[in-house]
Amino acid sequence: MVEIEIQGLNAQQRVIADIIWACGDRKAVDKFIDALPTVALKREAKNIVNLMVMAVVEQAYDGLGSLDEAEAVLQKYNKRR
């Protein structure tokens, strides 16, 4: 699995990111986000998911990660519209 590092997260955001990263699929991510106690935390978690997706795409674009890994992360975290 690809490893990413998102700069500038505070301690609470790192914990949220670690929990999201450990989720098995988008359904588990959504369940976790829905269980957060405030709208602000839910919004923050959604933003962290977006940052994760962008970081993986950027790594693939820069040649630091494979396209297959980026696609796997996109399928795991990207919500179908």
C-alpha atoms as a PDB file:
ATOM      1  CA  MET A   1       0.000   0.000   0.000  1.00  0.00           C
ATOM      2  CA  VAL A   2       1.150   3.485  -0.760  1.00  0.00           C
ATOM      3  CA  GLU A   3       2.390   5.703   2.045  1.00  0.00           C
ATOM      4  CA  ILE A   4       1.528   9.374   2.140  1.00  0.00           C
ATOM      5  CA  GLU A   5       2.518  12.261   4.320  1.00  0.00           C
ATOM      6  CA  ILE A   6       0.359  15.327   4.650  1.00  0.00           C
ATOM      7  CA  GLN A   7       2.239  18.302   6.058  1.00  0.00           C
ATOM      8  CA  GLY A   8       0.680  20.728   8.507  1.00  0.00           C
ATOM      9  CA  LEU A   9      -1.855  18.496  10.267  1.00  0.00           C
ATOM     10  CA  ASN A  10      -2.297  19.075  13.972  1.00  0.00           C
ATOM     11  CA  ALA A  11      -2.445  16.163  16.441  1.00  0.00           C
ATOM     12  CA  GLN A  12      -6.227  15.752  16.211  1.00  0.00           C
ATOM     13  CA  GLN A  13      -6.141  15.822  12.414  1.00  0.00           C
ATOM     14  CA  ARG A  14      -3.361  13.192  12.373  1.00  0.00           C
ATOM     15  CA  VAL A  15      -5.495  10.886  14.527  1.00  0.00           C
ATOM     16  CA  ILE A  16      -8.473  11.376  12.203  1.00  0.00           C
ATOM     17  CA  ALA A  17      -6.234  10.738   9.177  1.00  0.00           C
ATOM     18  CA  ASP A  18      -4.843   7.545  10.727  1.00  0.00           C
ATOM     19  CA  ILE A  19      -8.340   6.239  11.450  1.00  0.00           C
ATOM     20  CA  ILE A  20      -9.528   7.070   7.936  1.00  0.00           C
ATOM     21  CA  TRP A  21      -6.449   5.437   6.403  1.00  0.00           C
ATOM     22  CA  ALA A  22      -7.125   2.269   8.425  1.00  0.00           C
ATOM     23  CA  CYS A  23     -10.695   2.009   7.121  1.00  0.00           C
ATOM     24  CA  GLY A  24     -11.189  -0.818   4.675  1.00  0.00           C
ATOM     25  CA  ASP A  25     -13.423   0.950   2.192  1.00  0.00           C
ATOM     26  CA  ARG A  26     -15.466   4.070   1.516  1.00  0.00           C
ATOM     27  CA  LYS A  27     -18.431   2.677   3.449  1.00  0.00           C
ATOM     28  CA  ALA A  28     -16.267   2.399   6.586  1.00  0.00           C
ATOM     29  CA  VAL A  29     -14.905   5.916   6.016  1.00  0.00           C
ATOM     30  CA  ASP A  30     -18.433   7.295   5.696  1.00  0.00           C
ATOM     31  CA  LYS A  31     -19.530   5.422   8.822  1.00  0.00           C
ATOM     32  CA  PHE A  32     -16.617   6.890  10.778  1.00  0.00           C
ATOM     33  CA  ILE A  33     -17.290  10.407   9.520  1.00  0.00           C
ATOM     34  CA  ASP A  34     -21.008  10.113  10.280  1.00  0.00           C
ATOM     35  CA  ALA A  35     -20.169   9.042  13.848  1.00  0.00           C
ATOM     36  CA  LEU A  36     -18.127  12.167  14.567  1.00  0.00           C
ATOM     37  CA  PRO A  37     -19.914  14.342  17.131  1.00  0.00           C
ATOM     38  CA  THR A  38     -19.892  17.744  15.415  1.00  0.00           C
ATOM     39  CA  VAL A  39     -20.463  19.158  11.959  1.00  0.00           C
ATOM     40  CA  ALA A  40     -17.050  20.835  12.153  1.00  0.00           C
ATOM     41  CA  LEU A  41     -15.271  17.516  12.792  1.00  0.00           C
ATOM     42  CA  LYS A  42     -17.223  15.862   9.985  1.00  0.00           C
ATOM     43  CA  ARG A  43     -16.211  18.640   7.613  1.00  0.00           C
ATOM     44  CA  GLU A  44     -12.600  18.372   8.766  1.00  0.00           C
ATOM     45  CA  ALA A  45     -12.582  14.605   8.189  1.00  0.00           C
ATOM     46  CA  LYS A  46     -13.988  15.058   4.674  1.00  0.00           C
ATOM     47  CA  ASN A  47     -11.261  17.598   3.954  1.00  0.00           C
ATOM     48  CA  ILE A  48      -8.639  15.138   5.190  1.00  0.00           C
ATOM     49  CA  VAL A  49     -10.008  12.484   2.820  1.00  0.00           C
ATOM     50  CA  ASN A  50      -9.679  14.983  -0.037  1.00  0.00           C
ATOM     51  CA  LEU A  51      -6.105  15.769   1.007  1.00  0.00           C
ATOM     52  CA  MET A  52      -5.278  12.055   1.030  1.00  0.00           C
ATOM     53  CA  VAL A  53      -6.650  11.597  -2.459  1.00  0.00           C
ATOM     54  CA  MET A  54      -4.742  14.627  -3.739  1.00  0.00           C
ATOM     55  CA  ALA A  55      -1.504  13.453  -2.084  1.00  0.00           C
ATOM     56  CA  VAL A  56      -1.703  10.032  -3.730  1.00  0.00           C
ATOM     57  CA  VAL A  57      -2.482  11.514  -7.142  1.00  0.00           C
ATOM     58  CA  GLU A  58       0.415  13.949  -6.736  1.00  0.00           C
ATOM     59  CA  GLN A  59       2.803  11.119  -5.834  1.00  0.00           C
ATOM     60  CA  ALA A  60       1.743   9.147  -8.903  1.00  0.00           C
ATOM     61  CA  TYR A  61       2.103  12.243 -11.084  1.00  0.00           C
ATOM     62  CA  ASP A  62       5.579  12.914  -9.693  1.00  0.00           C
ATOM     63  CA  GLY A  63       6.598   9.287 -10.274  1.00  0.00           C
ATOM     64  CA  LEU A  64       6.923   8.543  -6.553  1.00  0.00           C
ATOM     65  CA  GLY A  65       4.047   6.074  -6.520  1.00  0.00           C
ATOM     66  CA  SER A  66       2.466   3.759  -9.015  1.00  0.00           C
ATOM     67  CA  LEU A  67      -0.691   4.491 -10.935  1.00  0.00           C
ATOM     68  CA  ASP A  68      -2.156   1.215  -9.661  1.00  0.00           C
ATOM     69  CA  GLU A  69      -1.697   2.355  -6.053  1.00  0.00           C
ATOM     70  CA  ALA A  70      -3.235   5.730  -6.846  1.00  0.00           C
ATOM     71  CA  GLU A  71      -6.196   4.042  -8.514  1.00  0.00           C
ATOM     72  CA  ALA A  72      -6.684   1.764  -5.488  1.00  0.00           C
ATOM     73  CA  VAL A  73      -6.737   4.748  -3.139  1.00  0.00           C
ATOM     74  CA  LEU A  74      -9.096   6.656  -5.414  1.00  0.00           C
ATOM     75  CA  GLN A  75     -11.479   3.705  -5.475  1.00  0.00           C
ATOM     76  CA  LYS A  76     -11.242   3.340  -1.707  1.00  0.00           C
ATOM     77  CA  TYR A  77     -11.791   6.980  -0.768  1.00  0.00           C
ATOM     78  CA  ASN A  78     -13.437   8.689  -3.720  1.00  0.00           C
ATOM     79  CA  LYS A  79     -17.186   8.887  -3.506  1.00  0.00           C
ATOM     80  CA  ARG A  80     -19.143   8.015  -6.610  1.00  0.00           C
ATOM     81  CA  ARG A  81     -21.306  10.890  -7.753  1.00  0.00           C
END
